[in-house]
Amino acid sequence: MKKHTDNQDTSARSPSGRAVVGIKICGMKYPDNIREVGSLLPDYMGFIFWEKSARYFDDVIPDVPKSIRKVGVFVNETVEIILAKAKKHDLQAIQLHGHESVAFCQELKNKTDRKIVIIKVFSVDDSFDFEELKPFESVCDYFLFDTKGKLPGGNGTTFDWKVLEKYPSSKPFFLSGGIGIDEMDAVNEMLKTNLPLYAIDVNSKFEIEPGLKNIQLCRDALLSVSTDNKIKK
């Protein structure tokens, strides 16, 4: 994978400062499991507010360490409902996983607390046109690249990451789509390039069943990118 030629510092990108890349554990659903995963201190935890998802969250998020940023995942939702959910659950990030327009993102950005970041998702395949990203540069804080499939997300498969060699932007991005333990070596290889990979988004390959995360696998994922010994096996 080629290196970008900008001068962006790609070291120590993790929000926690623990690792060179952040980890978002998405699709959280069950309170006890949320607490267990929270004890591992991932950088982000994702809660899906799309009713058609098998991981749809319709509960009260239990207390988790303040260092963990709670992400609400929405699919073609109204601004009003997103704002209400963000307030109810004290979200630190909003992930837009549908066909939200630039105007929609701008309106949401104008109406949310400045501390809340907006992540815009793009479904990627071999023919993805990165020109689509340009209008969104100023209306979101991060991009997230997921595998193009039948569902907005959670398809459980990876796309060919070589397509990211064409990434023209310096905006940091999350990488998603069927990432499991077997993909961690490839993630570490990507980190050797100057691509602004900010965090990886893991979900289905770390589950016992939809929404119920395997704690040992989550621990292994965090260890695979950890630069210290804070996480114990």
C-alpha atoms as a PDB file:
ATOM      1  CA  MET A   1       0.000   0.000   0.000  1.00  0.00           C
ATOM      2  CA  LYS A   2       1.490   3.314  -0.988  1.00  0.00           C
ATOM      3  CA  LYS A   3       2.329   6.070   1.425  1.00  0.00           C
ATOM      4  CA  HIS A   4       0.687   9.463   1.253  1.00  0.00           C
ATOM      5  CA  THR A   5       3.024  12.364   0.890  1.00  0.00           C
ATOM      6  CA  ASP A   6       1.446  14.806   3.339  1.00  0.00           C
ATOM      7  CA  ASN A   7       3.077  15.631   6.653  1.00  0.00           C
ATOM      8  CA  GLN A   8       0.292  14.380   8.841  1.00  0.00           C
ATOM      9  CA  ASP A   9       1.459  12.812  12.098  1.00  0.00           C
ATOM     10  CA  THR A  10      -0.067   9.366  12.129  1.00  0.00           C
ATOM     11  CA  SER A  11       1.469   8.247  15.411  1.00  0.00           C
ATOM     12  CA  ALA A  12      -0.477   7.714  18.641  1.00  0.00           C
ATOM     13  CA  ARG A  13      -3.835   8.268  17.004  1.00  0.00           C
ATOM     14  CA  SER A  14      -5.865   6.377  19.587  1.00  0.00           C
ATOM     15  CA  PRO A  15      -8.168   8.663  21.593  1.00  0.00           C
ATOM     16  CA  SER A  16      -7.013   6.926  24.776  1.00  0.00           C
ATOM     17  CA  GLY A  17      -3.352   7.353  23.870  1.00  0.00           C
ATOM     18  CA  ARG A  18      -2.994   3.624  24.555  1.00  0.00           C
ATOM     19  CA  ALA A  19      -2.300   2.547  21.025  1.00  0.00           C
ATOM     20  CA  VAL A  20      -1.520   3.701  17.506  1.00  0.00           C
ATOM     21  CA  VAL A  21      -5.104   3.097  16.441  1.00  0.00           C
ATOM     22  CA  GLY A  22      -8.389   3.362  18.294  1.00  0.00           C
ATOM     23  CA  ILE A  23     -10.929   0.572  18.700  1.00  0.00           C
ATOM     24  CA  LYS A  24     -14.683   0.960  18.515  1.00  0.00           C
ATOM     25  CA  ILE A  25     -16.731  -2.015  19.666  1.00  0.00           C
ATOM     26  CA  CYS A  26     -20.106  -1.617  18.030  1.00  0.00           C
ATOM     27  CA  GLY A  27     -23.510  -3.258  18.278  1.00  0.00           C
ATOM     28  CA  MET A  28     -23.669  -3.302  22.074  1.00  0.00           C
ATOM     29  CA  LYS A  29     -27.024  -4.459  23.404  1.00  0.00           C
ATOM     30  CA  TYR A  30     -27.060  -6.137  26.827  1.00  0.00           C
ATOM     31  CA  PRO A  31     -26.340  -4.143  30.029  1.00  0.00           C
ATOM     32  CA  ASP A  32     -24.147  -6.734  31.773  1.00  0.00           C
ATOM     33  CA  ASN A  33     -22.178  -7.327  28.576  1.00  0.00           C
ATOM     34  CA  ILE A  34     -21.811  -3.573  28.110  1.00  0.00           C
ATOM     35  CA  ARG A  35     -20.272  -3.308  31.590  1.00  0.00           C
ATOM     36  CA  GLU A  36     -17.892  -6.198  30.891  1.00  0.00           C
ATOM     37  CA  VAL A  37     -16.738  -4.723  27.605  1.00  0.00           C
ATOM     38  CA  GLY A  38     -16.501  -1.321  29.257  1.00  0.00           C
ATOM     39  CA  SER A  39     -14.055  -2.719  31.816  1.00  0.00           C
ATOM     40  CA  LEU A  40     -11.636  -3.369  28.924  1.00  0.00           C
ATOM     41  CA  LEU A  41     -11.616   0.369  28.096  1.00  0.00           C
ATOM     42  CA  PRO A  42     -12.154   0.439  24.339  1.00  0.00           C
ATOM     43  CA  ASP A  43     -12.007   3.916  22.861  1.00  0.00           C
ATOM     44  CA  TYR A  44     -15.589   3.831  21.587  1.00  0.00           C
ATOM     45  CA  MET A  45     -18.722   1.754  22.161  1.00  0.00           C
ATOM     46  CA  GLY A  46     -21.452   1.799  19.525  1.00  0.00           C
ATOM     47  CA  PHE A  47     -25.204   1.561  20.095  1.00  0.00           C
ATOM     48  CA  ILE A  48     -27.444   0.948  17.104  1.00  0.00           C
ATOM     49  CA  PHE A  49     -30.689   2.923  17.045  1.00  0.00           C
ATOM     50  CA  TRP A  50     -32.028   1.378  13.838  1.00  0.00           C
ATOM     51  CA  GLU A  51     -35.029  -0.811  14.591  1.00  0.00           C
ATOM     52  CA  LYS A  52     -34.396  -3.277  11.763  1.00  0.00           C
ATOM     53  CA  SER A  53     -31.015  -4.263  13.176  1.00  0.00           C
ATOM     54  CA  ALA A  54     -30.596  -7.486  15.172  1.00  0.00           C
ATOM     55  CA  ARG A  55     -28.485  -5.327  17.502  1.00  0.00           C
ATOM     56  CA  TYR A  56     -31.110  -2.615  17.936  1.00  0.00           C
ATOM     57  CA  PHE A  57     -30.638  -0.899  21.298  1.00  0.00           C
ATOM     58  CA  ASP A  58     -33.746   0.143  23.195  1.00  0.00           C
ATOM     59  CA  ASP A  59     -32.601   0.247  26.795  1.00  0.00           C
ATOM     60  CA  VAL A  60     -30.710   2.462  29.205  1.00  0.00           C
ATOM     61  CA  ILE A  61     -26.947   2.514  28.722  1.00  0.00           C
ATOM     62  CA  PRO A  62     -25.341   1.519  32.027  1.00  0.00           C
ATOM     63  CA  ASP A  63     -22.507   3.549  33.466  1.00  0.00           C
ATOM     64  CA  VAL A  64     -19.226   2.982  31.659  1.00  0.00           C
ATOM     65  CA  PRO A  65     -15.837   4.623  32.239  1.00  0.00           C
ATOM     66  CA  LYS A  66     -15.843   8.248  31.137  1.00  0.00           C
ATOM     67  CA  SER A  67     -12.886   7.649  28.814  1.00  0.00           C
ATOM     68  CA  ILE A  68     -15.144   5.540  26.560  1.00  0.00           C
ATOM     69  CA  ARG A  69     -16.979   7.584  23.959  1.00  0.00           C
ATOM     70  CA  LYS A  70     -20.539   6.444  23.337  1.00  0.00           C
ATOM     71  CA  VAL A  71     -21.558   6.399  19.678  1.00  0.00           C
ATOM     72  CA  GLY A  72     -25.148   6.395  18.466  1.00  0.00           C
ATOM     73  CA  VAL A  73     -25.596   4.691  15.097  1.00  0.00           C
ATOM     74  CA  PHE A  74     -28.486   5.977  12.969  1.00  0.00           C
ATOM     75  CA  VAL A  75     -29.842   5.062   9.538  1.00  0.00           C
ATOM     76  CA  ASN A  76     -31.834   7.715   7.650  1.00  0.00           C
ATOM     77  CA  GLU A  77     -33.224   9.090  10.904  1.00  0.00           C
ATOM     78  CA  THR A  78     -34.615  12.576  11.505  1.00  0.00           C
ATOM     79  CA  VAL A  79     -32.506  15.287  13.075  1.00  0.00           C
ATOM     80  CA  GLU A  80     -35.011  15.620  15.901  1.00  0.00           C
ATOM     81  CA  ILE A  81     -34.828  11.954  16.895  1.00  0.00           C
ATOM     82  CA  ILE A  82     -31.045  11.924  16.674  1.00  0.00           C
ATOM     83  CA  LEU A  83     -30.823  14.964  18.937  1.00  0.00           C
ATOM     84  CA  ALA A  84     -33.249  13.388  21.413  1.00  0.00           C
ATOM     85  CA  LYS A  85     -31.256  10.140  21.552  1.00  0.00           C
ATOM     86  CA  ALA A  86     -27.995  12.038  21.915  1.00  0.00           C
ATOM     87  CA  LYS A  87     -29.381  13.900  24.901  1.00  0.00           C
ATOM     88  CA  LYS A  88     -31.032  10.864  26.499  1.00  0.00           C
ATOM     89  CA  HIS A  89     -27.935   8.666  26.276  1.00  0.00           C
ATOM     90  CA  ASP A  90     -25.273  11.374  26.638  1.00  0.00           C
ATOM     91  CA  LEU A  91     -23.690  10.437  23.325  1.00  0.00           C
ATOM     92  CA  GLN A  92     -20.259  11.736  22.395  1.00  0.00           C
ATOM     93  CA  ALA A  93     -20.505  10.754  18.736  1.00  0.00           C
ATOM     94  CA  ILE A  94     -23.183  10.334  16.071  1.00  0.00           C
ATOM     95  CA  GLN A  95     -22.638   7.826  13.270  1.00  0.00           C
ATOM     96  CA  LEU A  96     -24.729   8.306  10.137  1.00  0.00           C
ATOM     97  CA  HIS A  97     -25.059   4.983   8.348  1.00  0.00           C
ATOM     98  CA  GLY A  98     -27.714   5.786   5.759  1.00  0.00           C
ATOM     99  CA  HIS A  99     -28.084   8.034   2.728  1.00  0.00           C
ATOM    100  CA  GLU A 100     -27.796  11.279   4.650  1.00  0.00           C
ATOM    101  CA  SER A 101     -27.107  14.297   2.450  1.00  0.00           C
ATOM    102  CA  VAL A 102     -24.532  17.008   2.899  1.00  0.00           C
ATOM    103  CA  ALA A 103     -27.341  19.404   3.868  1.00  0.00           C
ATOM    104  CA  PHE A 104     -28.584  16.943   6.496  1.00  0.00           C
ATOM    105  CA  CYS A 105     -25.102  16.601   7.987  1.00  0.00           C
ATOM    106  CA  GLN A 106     -24.729  20.369   8.048  1.00  0.00           C
ATOM    107  CA  GLU A 107     -28.058  20.831   9.823  1.00  0.00           C
ATOM    108  CA  LEU A 108     -27.152  18.173  12.372  1.00  0.00           C
ATOM    109  CA  LYS A 109     -23.742  19.723  12.937  1.00  0.00           C
ATOM    110  CA  ASN A 110     -25.327  23.136  13.457  1.00  0.00           C
ATOM    111  CA  LYS A 111     -27.766  21.781  16.044  1.00  0.00           C
ATOM    112  CA  THR A 112     -25.525  19.493  18.078  1.00  0.00           C
ATOM    113  CA  ASP A 113     -23.165  20.325  20.882  1.00  0.00           C
ATOM    114  CA  ARG A 114     -19.721  21.069  19.487  1.00  0.00           C
ATOM    115  CA  LYS A 115     -18.305  18.319  21.677  1.00  0.00           C
ATOM    116  CA  ILE A 116     -20.324  15.702  19.775  1.00  0.00           C
ATOM    117  CA  VAL A 117     -18.486  14.426  16.713  1.00  0.00           C
ATOM    118  CA  ILE A 118     -20.190  13.327  13.515  1.00  0.00           C
ATOM    119  CA  ILE A 119     -19.046  10.200  11.683  1.00  0.00           C
ATOM    120  CA  LYS A 120     -20.329   9.743   8.133  1.00  0.00           C
ATOM    121  CA  VAL A 121     -20.344   6.204   6.774  1.00  0.00           C
ATOM    122  CA  PHE A 122     -19.666   5.233   3.173  1.00  0.00           C
ATOM    123  CA  SER A 123     -20.225   1.730   1.814  1.00  0.00           C
ATOM    124  CA  VAL A 124     -17.216   0.678  -0.222  1.00  0.00           C
ATOM    125  CA  ASP A 125     -16.558  -1.818  -2.988  1.00  0.00           C
ATOM    126  CA  ASP A 126     -13.903  -2.032  -5.702  1.00  0.00           C
ATOM    127  CA  SER A 127     -15.630   0.654  -7.783  1.00  0.00           C
ATOM    128  CA  PHE A 128     -16.103   3.221  -5.008  1.00  0.00           C
ATOM    129  CA  ASP A 129     -15.601   6.798  -6.208  1.00  0.00           C
ATOM    130  CA  PHE A 130     -13.720   8.801  -3.579  1.00  0.00           C
ATOM    131  CA  GLU A 131     -14.934  12.014  -5.210  1.00  0.00           C
ATOM    132  CA  GLU A 132     -18.158  11.392  -3.265  1.00  0.00           C
ATOM    133  CA  LEU A 133     -16.334  12.384  -0.101  1.00  0.00           C
ATOM    134  CA  LYS A 134     -15.422  15.950  -1.025  1.00  0.00           C
ATOM    135  CA  PRO A 135     -18.773  17.635  -0.263  1.00  0.00           C
ATOM    136  CA  PHE A 136     -18.799  15.981   3.186  1.00  0.00           C
ATOM    137  CA  GLU A 137     -15.352  17.169   4.225  1.00  0.00           C
ATOM    138  CA  SER A 138     -16.625  20.233   6.060  1.00  0.00           C
ATOM    139  CA  VAL A 139     -19.774  18.735   7.600  1.00  0.00           C
ATOM    140  CA  CYS A 140     -18.405  15.705   9.454  1.00  0.00           C
ATOM    141  CA  ASP A 141     -15.469  15.004  11.734  1.00  0.00           C
ATOM    142  CA  TYR A 142     -14.607  11.505  10.537  1.00  0.00           C
ATOM    143  CA  PHE A 143     -15.413   9.170   7.689  1.00  0.00           C
ATOM    144  CA  LEU A 144     -16.131   5.495   8.234  1.00  0.00           C
ATOM    145  CA  PHE A 145     -15.610   2.974   5.458  1.00  0.00           C
ATOM    146  CA  ASP A 146     -17.717  -0.183   5.597  1.00  0.00           C
ATOM    147  CA  THR A 147     -18.310  -3.053   3.197  1.00  0.00           C
ATOM    148  CA  LYS A 148     -21.037  -2.463   0.651  1.00  0.00           C
ATOM    149  CA  GLY A 149     -23.742  -5.098   1.131  1.00  0.00           C
ATOM    150  CA  LYS A 150     -27.437  -5.797   1.462  1.00  0.00           C
ATOM    151  CA  LEU A 151     -27.657  -4.131   4.875  1.00  0.00           C
ATOM    152  CA  PRO A 152     -26.448  -0.664   5.924  1.00  0.00           C
ATOM    153  CA  GLY A 153     -23.935  -2.435   8.155  1.00  0.00           C
ATOM    154  CA  GLY A 154     -23.187  -5.689   9.934  1.00  0.00           C
ATOM    155  CA  ASN A 155     -22.679  -7.681   6.753  1.00  0.00           C
ATOM    156  CA  GLY A 156     -19.704  -9.436   8.325  1.00  0.00           C
ATOM    157  CA  THR A 157     -17.373  -9.254   5.324  1.00  0.00           C
ATOM    158  CA  THR A 158     -14.350  -7.145   4.498  1.00  0.00           C
ATOM    159  CA  PHE A 159     -13.839  -5.113   1.343  1.00  0.00           C
ATOM    160  CA  ASP A 160     -10.525  -5.017  -0.495  1.00  0.00           C
ATOM    161  CA  TRP A 161      -8.538  -2.507   1.537  1.00  0.00           C
ATOM    162  CA  LYS A 162      -6.247  -1.837  -1.405  1.00  0.00           C
ATOM    163  CA  VAL A 163      -8.938   0.503  -2.714  1.00  0.00           C
ATOM    164  CA  LEU A 164      -7.926   2.859   0.110  1.00  0.00           C
ATOM    165  CA  GLU A 165      -4.693   3.532  -1.747  1.00  0.00           C
ATOM    166  CA  LYS A 166      -6.836   5.978  -3.711  1.00  0.00           C
ATOM    167  CA  TYR A 167      -7.964   7.834  -0.593  1.00  0.00           C
ATOM    168  CA  PRO A 168      -7.372  11.509  -1.450  1.00  0.00           C
ATOM    169  CA  SER A 169      -8.108  13.120   1.909  1.00  0.00           C
ATOM    170  CA  SER A 170      -6.299  13.815   5.159  1.00  0.00           C
ATOM    171  CA  LYS A 171      -9.511  13.468   7.161  1.00  0.00           C
ATOM    172  CA  PRO A 172      -9.136  10.652   9.722  1.00  0.00           C
ATOM    173  CA  PHE A 173     -11.323   7.608   9.149  1.00  0.00           C
ATOM    174  CA  PHE A 174     -12.698   4.541  10.895  1.00  0.00           C
ATOM    175  CA  LEU A 175     -12.278   1.192   9.143  1.00  0.00           C
ATOM    176  CA  SER A 176     -15.146  -1.274   9.411  1.00  0.00           C
ATOM    177  CA  GLY A 177     -16.581  -4.339   7.724  1.00  0.00           C
ATOM    178  CA  GLY A 178     -15.998  -7.879   8.964  1.00  0.00           C
ATOM    179  CA  ILE A 179     -12.859  -7.111  10.947  1.00  0.00           C
ATOM    180  CA  GLY A 180     -11.818  -9.993  13.194  1.00  0.00           C
ATOM    181  CA  ILE A 181      -8.669 -11.158  14.944  1.00  0.00           C
ATOM    182  CA  ASP A 182      -7.410 -12.593  11.643  1.00  0.00           C
ATOM    183  CA  GLU A 183      -7.426  -9.100  10.116  1.00  0.00           C
ATOM    184  CA  MET A 184      -5.321  -7.462  12.843  1.00  0.00           C
ATOM    185  CA  ASP A 185      -2.028  -8.104  11.061  1.00  0.00           C
ATOM    186  CA  ALA A 186      -3.379  -6.345   7.981  1.00  0.00           C
ATOM    187  CA  VAL A 187      -4.516  -3.439  10.169  1.00  0.00           C
ATOM    188  CA  ASN A 188      -1.007  -3.149  11.579  1.00  0.00           C
ATOM    189  CA  GLU A 189       0.395  -3.152   8.040  1.00  0.00           C
ATOM    190  CA  MET A 190      -1.941  -0.304   7.100  1.00  0.00           C
ATOM    191  CA  LEU A 191      -0.627   1.654  10.060  1.00  0.00           C
ATOM    192  CA  LYS A 192       2.820   1.607   8.454  1.00  0.00           C
ATOM    193  CA  THR A 193       1.466   3.794   5.672  1.00  0.00           C
ATOM    194  CA  ASN A 194       0.474   7.432   5.987  1.00  0.00           C
ATOM    195  CA  LEU A 195      -3.198   6.709   5.578  1.00  0.00           C
ATOM    196  CA  PRO A 196      -5.033   8.560   8.377  1.00  0.00           C
ATOM    197  CA  LEU A 197      -6.570   5.434   9.909  1.00  0.00           C
ATOM    198  CA  TYR A 198      -7.974   6.680  13.202  1.00  0.00           C
ATOM    199  CA  ALA A 199      -9.828   3.666  14.546  1.00  0.00           C
ATOM    200  CA  ILE A 200     -11.110   0.230  13.637  1.00  0.00           C
ATOM    201  CA  ASP A 201     -14.743  -0.701  14.127  1.00  0.00           C
ATOM    202  CA  VAL A 202     -15.388  -4.290  15.229  1.00  0.00           C
ATOM    203  CA  ASN A 203     -18.687  -6.045  15.664  1.00  0.00           C
ATOM    204  CA  SER A 204     -19.986  -9.368  14.340  1.00  0.00           C
ATOM    205  CA  LYS A 205     -16.718 -11.335  14.465  1.00  0.00           C
ATOM    206  CA  PHE A 206     -16.464 -10.644  18.192  1.00  0.00           C
ATOM    207  CA  GLU A 207     -19.888 -11.974  19.108  1.00  0.00           C
ATOM    208  CA  ILE A 208     -21.460 -15.011  20.709  1.00  0.00           C
ATOM    209  CA  GLU A 209     -24.760 -13.906  19.184  1.00  0.00           C
ATOM    210  CA  PRO A 210     -25.962 -10.578  17.745  1.00  0.00           C
ATOM    211  CA  GLY A 211     -25.297  -7.906  20.330  1.00  0.00           C
ATOM    212  CA  LEU A 212     -23.565 -10.196  22.828  1.00  0.00           C
ATOM    213  CA  LYS A 213     -19.799  -9.722  22.690  1.00  0.00           C
ATOM    214  CA  ASN A 214     -17.183 -12.374  23.442  1.00  0.00           C
ATOM    215  CA  ILE A 215     -15.105 -10.732  26.163  1.00  0.00           C
ATOM    216  CA  GLN A 216     -11.936 -12.711  25.475  1.00  0.00           C
ATOM    217  CA  LEU A 217     -12.010 -11.840  21.771  1.00  0.00           C
ATOM    218  CA  CYS A 218     -12.551  -8.176  22.612  1.00  0.00           C
ATOM    219  CA  ARG A 219      -9.614  -8.334  25.011  1.00  0.00           C
ATOM    220  CA  ASP A 220      -7.473  -9.962  22.311  1.00  0.00           C
ATOM    221  CA  ALA A 221      -8.384  -7.198  19.865  1.00  0.00           C
ATOM    222  CA  LEU A 222      -7.356  -4.502  22.299  1.00  0.00           C
ATOM    223  CA  LEU A 223      -4.114  -6.327  23.083  1.00  0.00           C
ATOM    224  CA  SER A 224      -3.300  -6.610  19.396  1.00  0.00           C
ATOM    225  CA  VAL A 225      -3.033  -2.830  19.072  1.00  0.00           C
ATOM    226  CA  SER A 226      -1.933  -1.966  22.614  1.00  0.00           C
ATOM    227  CA  THR A 227       1.407  -0.265  23.095  1.00  0.00           C
ATOM    228  CA  ASP A 228       1.557  -0.885  26.822  1.00  0.00           C
ATOM    229  CA  ASN A 229       0.670  -3.579  29.335  1.00  0.00           C
ATOM    230  CA  LYS A 230      -2.451  -2.050  30.868  1.00  0.00           C
ATOM    231  CA  ILE A 231      -4.661  -4.804  29.500  1.00  0.00           C
ATOM    232  CA  LYS A 232      -4.093  -8.156  31.166  1.00  0.00           C
ATOM    233  CA  LYS A 233      -4.901 -11.476  29.541  1.00  0.00           C
END
